[in-house]
C-alpha atoms as a PDB file:
ATOM      1  CA  UNK A   1      12.037  31.216  -7.482  1.00  0.00           C
ATOM      2  CA  UNK A   2      12.042  27.728  -8.478  1.00  0.00           C
ATOM      3  CA  UNK A   3      13.270  26.391  -5.349  1.00  0.00           C
ATOM      4  CA  UNK A   4      10.666  28.487  -3.573  1.00  0.00           C
ATOM      5  CA  UNK A   5       7.833  26.987  -5.820  1.00  0.00           C
ATOM      6  CA  UNK A   6       9.247  23.450  -5.200  1.00  0.00           C
ATOM      7  CA  UNK A   7       9.627  23.999  -1.324  1.00  0.00           C
ATOM      8  CA  UNK A   8       6.171  25.276  -1.327  1.00  0.00           C
ATOM      9  CA  UNK A   9       4.728  22.192  -3.552  1.00  0.00           C
ATOM     10  CA  UNK A  10       6.424  19.878  -1.033  1.00  0.00           C
ATOM     11  CA  UNK A  11       4.843  21.622   2.048  1.00  0.00           C
ATOM     12  CA  UNK A  12       1.273  21.587   0.142  1.00  0.00           C
ATOM     13  CA  UNK A  13       1.709  17.830  -0.556  1.00  0.00           C
ATOM     14  CA  UNK A  14       2.694  17.224   3.079  1.00  0.00           C
ATOM     15  CA  UNK A  15      -0.212  19.178   4.638  1.00  0.00           C
ATOM     16  CA  UNK A  16      -2.810  18.016   2.128  1.00  0.00           C
ATOM     17  CA  UNK A  17      -3.597  14.576   4.116  1.00  0.00           C
ATOM     18  CA  UNK A  18      -3.782  16.188   7.651  1.00  0.00           C
ATOM     19  CA  UNK A  19      -6.065  18.752   5.969  1.00  0.00           C
ATOM     20  CA  UNK A  20      -8.191  15.870   4.826  1.00  0.00           C
ATOM     21  CA  UNK A  21      -8.204  14.501   8.288  1.00  0.00           C
ATOM     22  CA  UNK A  22      -9.019  17.598   9.769  1.00  0.00           C
ATOM     23  CA  UNK A  23     -12.031  18.416   7.469  1.00  0.00           C
ATOM     24  CA  UNK A  24     -15.306  18.277   9.047  1.00  0.00           C
ATOM     25  CA  UNK A  25     -18.754  17.473   8.384  1.00  0.00           C
ATOM     26  CA  UNK A  26     -21.993  14.884   8.733  1.00  0.00           C
ATOM     27  CA  UNK A  27     -20.083  11.683  10.422  1.00  0.00           C
ATOM     28  CA  UNK A  28     -23.128   9.512   8.762  1.00  0.00           C
ATOM     29  CA  UNK A  29     -21.731  10.600   5.333  1.00  0.00           C
ATOM     30  CA  UNK A  30     -18.299   9.585   5.940  1.00  0.00           C
ATOM     31  CA  UNK A  31     -19.031   6.199   7.439  1.00  0.00           C
ATOM     32  CA  UNK A  32     -21.455   5.171   4.444  1.00  0.00           C
ATOM     33  CA  UNK A  33     -18.741   6.079   1.930  1.00  0.00           C
ATOM     34  CA  UNK A  34     -16.185   4.716   4.018  1.00  0.00           C
ATOM     35  CA  UNK A  35     -17.458   0.977   3.749  1.00  0.00           C
ATOM     36  CA  UNK A  36     -18.122   1.726  -0.035  1.00  0.00           C
ATOM     37  CA  UNK A  37     -14.399   2.499  -0.440  1.00  0.00           C
ATOM     38  CA  UNK A  38     -13.297  -0.348   1.913  1.00  0.00           C
ATOM     39  CA  UNK A  39     -15.174  -2.842  -0.463  1.00  0.00           C
ATOM     40  CA  UNK A  40     -13.541  -0.971  -3.743  1.00  0.00           C
ATOM     41  CA  UNK A  41      -9.976  -0.796  -2.355  1.00  0.00           C
ATOM     42  CA  UNK A  42      -9.850  -4.087  -0.253  1.00  0.00           C
ATOM     43  CA  UNK A  43     -12.203  -6.491  -1.375  1.00  0.00           C
ATOM     44  CA  UNK A  44     -11.771  -5.944  -4.939  1.00  0.00           C
ATOM     45  CA  UNK A  45      -7.976  -5.810  -4.498  1.00  0.00           C
ATOM     46  CA  UNK A  46      -8.042  -9.408  -3.006  1.00  0.00           C
ATOM     47  CA  UNK A  47      -7.655 -11.338  -6.590  1.00  0.00           C
ATOM     48  CA  UNK A  48      -4.958  -9.352  -7.510  1.00  0.00           C
ATOM     49  CA  UNK A  49      -3.221  -9.484  -4.061  1.00  0.00           C
ATOM     50  CA  UNK A  50      -3.778 -13.509  -4.214  1.00  0.00           C
ATOM     51  CA  UNK A  51      -2.275 -13.942  -7.411  1.00  0.00           C
ATOM     52  CA  UNK A  52       0.786 -11.680  -6.436  1.00  0.00           C
ATOM     53  CA  UNK A  53       0.964 -13.666  -3.359  1.00  0.00           C
ATOM     54  CA  UNK A  54       1.363 -17.012  -5.047  1.00  0.00           C
ATOM     55  CA  UNK A  55       3.895 -16.161  -7.377  1.00  0.00           C
ATOM     56  CA  UNK A  56       5.668 -14.174  -4.771  1.00  0.00           C
ATOM     57  CA  UNK A  57       5.798 -17.303  -2.559  1.00  0.00           C
ATOM     58  CA  UNK A  58       7.033 -19.476  -5.436  1.00  0.00           C
ATOM     59  CA  UNK A  59       9.896 -17.198  -6.754  1.00  0.00           C
ATOM     60  CA  UNK A  60      11.258 -16.135  -3.222  1.00  0.00           C
ATOM     61  CA  UNK A  61      11.185 -19.967  -2.113  1.00  0.00           C
ATOM     62  CA  UNK A  62      13.163 -21.132  -5.312  1.00  0.00           C
ATOM     63  CA  UNK A  63      15.687 -18.272  -5.125  1.00  0.00           C
ATOM     64  CA  UNK A  64      16.282 -18.800  -1.338  1.00  0.00           C
ATOM     65  CA  UNK A  65      16.573 -22.593  -1.860  1.00  0.00           C
ATOM     66  CA  UNK A  66      19.190 -21.968  -4.423  1.00  0.00           C
ATOM     67  CA  UNK A  67      21.224 -19.860  -2.307  1.00  0.00           C
ATOM     68  CA  UNK A  68      21.151 -22.058   0.660  1.00  0.00           C
ATOM     69  CA  UNK A  69      21.350 -25.420  -0.736  1.00  0.00           C
ATOM     70  CA  UNK A  70      24.156 -27.720   0.717  1.00  0.00           C
ATOM     71  CA  UNK A  71      25.301 -24.840   2.859  1.00  0.00           C
ATOM     72  CA  UNK A  72      22.761 -24.316   5.578  1.00  0.00           C
ATOM     73  CA  UNK A  73      20.260 -26.602   7.162  1.00  0.00           C
ATOM     74  CA  UNK A  74      16.880 -26.862   5.780  1.00  0.00           C
ATOM     75  CA  UNK A  75      15.176 -24.766   8.593  1.00  0.00           C
ATOM     76  CA  UNK A  76      17.009 -21.833   7.187  1.00  0.00           C
ATOM     77  CA  UNK A  77      14.725 -21.739   4.132  1.00  0.00           C
ATOM     78  CA  UNK A  78      11.836 -20.951   6.611  1.00  0.00           C
ATOM     79  CA  UNK A  79      13.654 -18.503   8.355  1.00  0.00           C
ATOM     80  CA  UNK A  80      15.152 -16.491   5.280  1.00  0.00           C
ATOM     81  CA  UNK A  81      11.805 -16.727   3.428  1.00  0.00           C
ATOM     82  CA  UNK A  82       9.901 -15.450   6.430  1.00  0.00           C
ATOM     83  CA  UNK A  83      12.015 -12.685   7.136  1.00  0.00           C
ATOM     84  CA  UNK A  84      12.438 -11.703   3.652  1.00  0.00           C
ATOM     85  CA  UNK A  85       8.438 -11.311   3.117  1.00  0.00           C
ATOM     86  CA  UNK A  86       7.490 -10.104   6.526  1.00  0.00           C
ATOM     87  CA  UNK A  87      10.170  -7.237   6.579  1.00  0.00           C
ATOM     88  CA  UNK A  88      10.258  -6.226   2.969  1.00  0.00           C
ATOM     89  CA  UNK A  89       8.565  -8.023   0.044  1.00  0.00           C
ATOM     90  CA  UNK A  90       4.809  -8.140   1.487  1.00  0.00           C
ATOM     91  CA  UNK A  91       4.259  -4.460   2.714  1.00  0.00           C
ATOM     92  CA  UNK A  92       6.232  -3.242  -0.394  1.00  0.00           C
ATOM     93  CA  UNK A  93       4.367  -5.239  -2.927  1.00  0.00           C
ATOM     94  CA  UNK A  94       0.860  -4.783  -1.176  1.00  0.00           C
ATOM     95  CA  UNK A  95       1.672  -0.927  -1.461  1.00  0.00           C
ATOM     96  CA  UNK A  96       2.735  -1.158  -4.951  1.00  0.00           C
ATOM     97  CA  UNK A  97      -0.678  -3.098  -5.692  1.00  0.00           C
ATOM     98  CA  UNK A  98      -2.707  -0.477  -3.897  1.00  0.00           C
ATOM     99  CA  UNK A  99      -0.630   2.350  -5.827  1.00  0.00           C
ATOM    100  CA  UNK A 100      -1.296   0.690  -9.094  1.00  0.00           C
ATOM    101  CA  UNK A 101      -5.293  -0.251  -8.773  1.00  0.00           C
ATOM    102  CA  UNK A 102      -6.460   2.269  -6.264  1.00  0.00           C
ATOM    103  CA  UNK A 103      -4.171   5.139  -6.064  1.00  0.00           C
ATOM    104  CA  UNK A 104      -4.395   5.844  -9.765  1.00  0.00           C
ATOM    105  CA  UNK A 105      -8.226   5.319  -9.611  1.00  0.00           C
ATOM    106  CA  UNK A 106      -8.400   7.906  -6.869  1.00  0.00           C
ATOM    107  CA  UNK A 107      -6.504  10.589  -8.915  1.00  0.00           C
ATOM    108  CA  UNK A 108      -8.718   9.801 -12.209  1.00  0.00           C
ATOM    109  CA  UNK A 109     -11.988  10.024 -10.395  1.00  0.00           C
ATOM    110  CA  UNK A 110     -11.214  13.327  -8.344  1.00  0.00           C
ATOM    111  CA  UNK A 111      -9.682  14.815 -11.149  1.00  0.00           C
ATOM    112  CA  UNK A 112     -12.534  14.039 -13.413  1.00  0.00           C
ATOM    113  CA  UNK A 113     -14.958  15.751 -10.806  1.00  0.00           C
ATOM    114  CA  UNK A 114     -12.713  18.642 -10.772  1.00  0.00           C
ATOM    115  CA  UNK A 115     -12.991  19.427 -14.367  1.00  0.00           C
ATOM    116  CA  UNK A 116     -16.753  18.410 -14.627  1.00  0.00           C
ATOM    117  CA  UNK A 117     -17.233  21.102 -11.775  1.00  0.00           C
ATOM    118  CA  UNK A 118     -18.818  18.348  -9.429  1.00  0.00           C
ATOM    119  CA  UNK A 119     -16.458  19.564  -6.659  1.00  0.00           C
ATOM    120  CA  UNK A 120     -17.536  23.382  -7.141  1.00  0.00           C
ATOM    121  CA  UNK A 121     -21.340  21.869  -6.914  1.00  0.00           C
ATOM    122  CA  UNK A 122     -20.502  20.297  -3.565  1.00  0.00           C
ATOM    123  CA  UNK A 123     -19.019  23.718  -2.254  1.00  0.00           C
ATOM    124  CA  UNK A 124     -22.158  25.315  -3.461  1.00  0.00           C
ATOM    125  CA  UNK A 125     -24.048  22.834  -1.307  1.00  0.00           C
ATOM    126  CA  UNK A 126     -21.866  23.755   1.642  1.00  0.00           C
ATOM    127  CA  UNK A 127     -20.105  20.257   1.564  1.00  0.00           C
ATOM    128  CA  UNK A 128     -16.369  20.227   1.883  1.00  0.00           C
ATOM    129  CA  UNK A 129     -15.192  17.796  -0.797  1.00  0.00           C
ATOM    130  CA  UNK A 130     -12.321  17.075   1.256  1.00  0.00           C
ATOM    131  CA  UNK A 131     -14.362  15.439   3.876  1.00  0.00           C
ATOM    132  CA  UNK A 132     -17.263  13.970   1.483  1.00  0.00           C
ATOM    133  CA  UNK A 133     -14.682  12.688  -1.123  1.00  0.00           C
ATOM    134  CA  UNK A 134     -11.186  12.650   0.258  1.00  0.00           C
ATOM    135  CA  UNK A 135     -11.670  11.774   3.922  1.00  0.00           C
ATOM    136  CA  UNK A 136     -13.316   8.163   3.247  1.00  0.00           C
ATOM    137  CA  UNK A 137     -10.981   7.219   0.494  1.00  0.00           C
ATOM    138  CA  UNK A 138      -7.982   8.192   2.746  1.00  0.00           C
ATOM    139  CA  UNK A 139      -9.210   6.248   5.826  1.00  0.00           C
ATOM    140  CA  UNK A 140     -10.106   3.103   3.741  1.00  0.00           C
ATOM    141  CA  UNK A 141      -6.767   2.925   2.159  1.00  0.00           C
ATOM    142  CA  UNK A 142      -5.039   3.436   5.505  1.00  0.00           C
ATOM    143  CA  UNK A 143      -7.331   0.715   7.071  1.00  0.00           C
ATOM    144  CA  UNK A 144      -7.098  -1.757   3.914  1.00  0.00           C
ATOM    145  CA  UNK A 145      -3.339  -1.742   3.061  1.00  0.00           C
ATOM    146  CA  UNK A 146      -2.136  -3.553   6.492  1.00  0.00           C
ATOM    147  CA  UNK A 147      -5.084  -6.076   6.107  1.00  0.00           C
ATOM    148  CA  UNK A 148      -3.663  -6.718   2.591  1.00  0.00           C
ATOM    149  CA  UNK A 149      -0.323  -6.981   3.930  1.00  0.00           C
ATOM    150  CA  UNK A 150      -1.352  -9.746   6.145  1.00  0.00           C
ATOM    151  CA  UNK A 151      -3.042 -11.440   3.461  1.00  0.00           C
ATOM    152  CA  UNK A 152       0.051 -11.423   1.312  1.00  0.00           C
ATOM    153  CA  UNK A 153       2.172 -12.471   4.162  1.00  0.00           C
ATOM    154  CA  UNK A 154      -0.406 -15.498   4.939  1.00  0.00           C
ATOM    155  CA  UNK A 155      -0.621 -16.726   1.235  1.00  0.00           C
ATOM    156  CA  UNK A 156       3.044 -16.195   0.396  1.00  0.00           C
ATOM    157  CA  UNK A 157       4.397 -18.012   3.278  1.00  0.00           C
ATOM    158  CA  UNK A 158       2.049 -20.965   2.923  1.00  0.00           C
ATOM    159  CA  UNK A 159       2.510 -21.543  -0.889  1.00  0.00           C
ATOM    160  CA  UNK A 160       6.490 -21.295   0.002  1.00  0.00           C
ATOM    161  CA  UNK A 161       5.915 -23.962   2.565  1.00  0.00           C
ATOM    162  CA  UNK A 162       3.883 -26.362   0.387  1.00  0.00           C
ATOM    163  CA  UNK A 163       6.365 -25.640  -2.361  1.00  0.00           C
ATOM    164  CA  UNK A 164       9.338 -26.590  -0.127  1.00  0.00           C
ATOM    165  CA  UNK A 165       7.795 -29.628   0.741  1.00  0.00           C
ATOM    166  CA  UNK A 166       6.654 -30.892  -2.849  1.00  0.00           C
ATOM    167  CA  UNK A 167       9.732 -30.332  -4.613  1.00  0.00           C
ATOM    168  CA  UNK A 168      12.651 -29.930  -1.848  1.00  0.00           C
ATOM    169  CA  UNK A 169      11.479 -32.316   0.641  1.00  0.00           C
ATOM    170  CA  UNK A 170      11.467 -29.805   3.486  1.00  0.00           C
ATOM    171  CA  UNK A 171       8.936 -30.903   5.695  1.00  0.00           C
ATOM    172  CA  UNK A 172       6.222 -28.261   6.740  1.00  0.00           C
ATOM    173  CA  UNK A 173       7.158 -28.658  10.464  1.00  0.00           C
ATOM    174  CA  UNK A 174      10.854 -28.009   9.438  1.00  0.00           C
ATOM    175  CA  UNK A 175       9.804 -24.799   7.212  1.00  0.00           C
ATOM    176  CA  UNK A 176       7.833 -23.448   9.960  1.00  0.00           C
ATOM    177  CA  UNK A 177      10.351 -24.150  12.680  1.00  0.00           C
ATOM    178  CA  UNK A 178      12.771 -21.985  10.514  1.00  0.00           C
ATOM    179  CA  UNK A 179      10.059 -19.327  10.418  1.00  0.00           C
ATOM    180  CA  UNK A 180       9.586 -19.035  14.082  1.00  0.00           C
ATOM    181  CA  UNK A 181      12.775 -19.848  15.786  1.00  0.00           C
ATOM    182  CA  UNK A 182      14.219 -17.509  16.556  1.00  0.00           C
ATOM    183  CA  UNK A 183      11.180 -15.050  16.036  1.00  0.00           C
ATOM    184  CA  UNK A 184      11.427 -11.298  16.694  1.00  0.00           C
ATOM    185  CA  UNK A 185       8.045  -9.790  17.482  1.00  0.00           C
ATOM    186  CA  UNK A 186       9.462  -6.483  15.985  1.00  0.00           C
ATOM    187  CA  UNK A 187      10.006  -8.118  12.745  1.00  0.00           C
ATOM    188  CA  UNK A 188       6.130  -8.983  12.560  1.00  0.00           C
ATOM    189  CA  UNK A 189       4.697  -5.573  13.695  1.00  0.00           C
ATOM    190  CA  UNK A 190       7.223  -3.446  11.464  1.00  0.00           C
ATOM    191  CA  UNK A 191       5.595  -5.293   8.237  1.00  0.00           C
ATOM    192  CA  UNK A 192       2.167  -3.637   9.465  1.00  0.00           C
ATOM    193  CA  UNK A 193       3.785  -0.350  10.667  1.00  0.00           C
ATOM    194  CA  UNK A 194       5.212  -0.070   6.947  1.00  0.00           C
ATOM    195  CA  UNK A 195       2.365  -0.695   5.091  1.00  0.00           C
ATOM    196  CA  UNK A 196       0.123   1.576   7.208  1.00  0.00           C
ATOM    197  CA  UNK A 197       2.483   4.316   6.598  1.00  0.00           C
ATOM    198  CA  UNK A 198       2.548   3.185   2.675  1.00  0.00           C
ATOM    199  CA  UNK A 199      -1.299   3.158   2.546  1.00  0.00           C
ATOM    200  CA  UNK A 200      -1.604   6.605   4.272  1.00  0.00           C
ATOM    201  CA  UNK A 201       1.008   8.446   1.726  1.00  0.00           C
ATOM    202  CA  UNK A 202       0.050   6.558  -1.151  1.00  0.00           C
ATOM    203  CA  UNK A 203      -3.729   7.511  -0.708  1.00  0.00           C
ATOM    204  CA  UNK A 204      -2.334  11.209  -0.089  1.00  0.00           C
ATOM    205  CA  UNK A 205      -0.720  11.041  -3.486  1.00  0.00           C
ATOM    206  CA  UNK A 206      -3.786   9.912  -5.373  1.00  0.00           C
ATOM    207  CA  UNK A 207      -6.076  12.541  -3.761  1.00  0.00           C
ATOM    208  CA  UNK A 208      -3.702  15.194  -4.006  1.00  0.00           C
ATOM    209  CA  UNK A 209      -2.944  15.334  -7.499  1.00  0.00           C
ATOM    210  CA  UNK A 210      -6.674  14.708  -8.102  1.00  0.00           C
ATOM    211  CA  UNK A 211      -7.717  17.675  -6.499  1.00  0.00           C
ATOM    212  CA  UNK A 212      -4.707  19.695  -8.203  1.00  0.00           C
ATOM    213  CA  UNK A 213      -6.076  19.056 -11.852  1.00  0.00           C
ATOM    214  CA  UNK A 214      -6.879  22.169 -13.746  1.00  0.00           C
ATOM    215  CA  UNK A 215      -7.783  22.072 -17.570  1.00  0.00           C
ATOM    216  CA  UNK A 216      -9.413  19.163 -19.334  1.00  0.00           C
ATOM    217  CA  UNK A 217      -9.219  15.301 -19.630  1.00  0.00           C
ATOM    218  CA  UNK A 218      -5.258  15.618 -20.740  1.00  0.00           C
ATOM    219  CA  UNK A 219      -4.587  17.030 -17.224  1.00  0.00           C
ATOM    220  CA  UNK A 220      -6.452  13.971 -15.673  1.00  0.00           C
ATOM    221  CA  UNK A 221      -4.274  11.691 -17.374  1.00  0.00           C
ATOM    222  CA  UNK A 222      -1.061  13.588 -16.194  1.00  0.00           C
ATOM    223  CA  UNK A 223      -2.495  13.582 -12.571  1.00  0.00           C
ATOM    224  CA  UNK A 224      -2.715   9.931 -12.746  1.00  0.00           C
ATOM    225  CA  UNK A 225       0.871   9.407 -13.836  1.00  0.00           C
ATOM    226  CA  UNK A 226       1.887  11.848 -11.059  1.00  0.00           C
ATOM    227  CA  UNK A 227       0.089  10.021  -8.316  1.00  0.00           C
ATOM    228  CA  UNK A 228       1.609   6.839  -9.359  1.00  0.00           C
ATOM    229  CA  UNK A 229       4.979   8.111  -9.839  1.00  0.00           C
ATOM    230  CA  UNK A 230       4.843   9.637  -6.510  1.00  0.00           C
ATOM    231  CA  UNK A 231       3.436   7.191  -4.517  1.00  0.00           C
ATOM    232  CA  UNK A 232       6.290   4.736  -5.544  1.00  0.00           C
ATOM    233  CA  UNK A 233       8.913   6.849  -5.045  1.00  0.00           C
ATOM    234  CA  UNK A 234       7.334   7.355  -1.609  1.00  0.00           C
ATOM    235  CA  UNK A 235       7.340   3.834  -0.736  1.00  0.00           C
ATOM    236  CA  UNK A 236      10.862   3.295  -1.434  1.00  0.00           C
ATOM    237  CA  UNK A 237      12.015   6.482   0.460  1.00  0.00           C
ATOM    238  CA  UNK A 238       9.687   5.511   3.275  1.00  0.00           C
ATOM    239  CA  UNK A 239      11.014   2.026   3.202  1.00  0.00           C
ATOM    240  CA  UNK A 240      14.553   3.366   3.754  1.00  0.00           C
ATOM    241  CA  UNK A 241      13.197   5.553   6.617  1.00  0.00           C
ATOM    242  CA  UNK A 242      11.445   2.975   8.289  1.00  0.00           C
ATOM    243  CA  UNK A 243      14.601   0.546   8.181  1.00  0.00           C
ATOM    244  CA  UNK A 244      16.608   3.322   9.555  1.00  0.00           C
ATOM    245  CA  UNK A 245      14.211   3.661  12.454  1.00  0.00           C
ATOM    246  CA  UNK A 246      13.587   0.073  13.564  1.00  0.00           C
ATOM    247  CA  UNK A 247      16.657  -1.841  12.308  1.00  0.00           C
END
C-alpha cells in the first residue's frame, strides 16, 4: 500500500507542472502577472546572485591556482575555472539561489492562500488557480533561471580574471585565452540547458507543495520545507542525468 501511495505521489508531482502549463484562461491575466513575477523572482534576486558570484569567483580561482601552480601553464587557470563554472557551479548555484529565495516563497504564498480559502474563492469566480497563480510563477522561474545563470557566469569569470591578475600576475589576456582555447560550444549551452531544467522542476516543487497544503499555518511551514528539500535533491539528480546525456 505504501509503495502504491509513493508511486501515486511521484506521478502527481511529475504531472503537476504540465497540468499548470495546460491550464487555460484569459491571456492578459497571465501576461500581467508574469511580468510581476519576473521582477520579483529575477530583479530582486540579482543582489544575492551578485554576492554569490563574487565569492564563487574568488574561491574557485584561489583553489584552482593552488592545484595547478608550478605544474601547468598559467592559461590553464582560465581554462579550468571557466569549465568548472560553466558546466557545474553556475547552473547549480543559481538553481540553489532560486530555490532558497523564490521556491520557498511560492510554497508559502500558495499554501497561505489555500488555508485562507482564497483558491476556493477563485474557483467560485470560475478562475482556475493553476492558470491565474501557478502558470505565471512557473513561466517566470523557467525564463529567469537561465538569465541569472548567465549573470553568475559573467560576474564569476570577471572576478576570477581580475583576482588572477592582481594576485597571481596572470594577465587578463592569458586568463581569457585559457577560457576560450579550446572552447567547446556544447559546454556553454549545456550550462543554460541545465539551468532551464532546474528552474522548471524547482518552480514545480514550490507550487506543488503549496497547492497540497491542508490544515493550518503549521502545514504551510512543512510545505516550504518539503519544497526546498525536494528542489535541492532534484537539482542534484537532474545534474547527474544531464551529465550522463551530454558528457
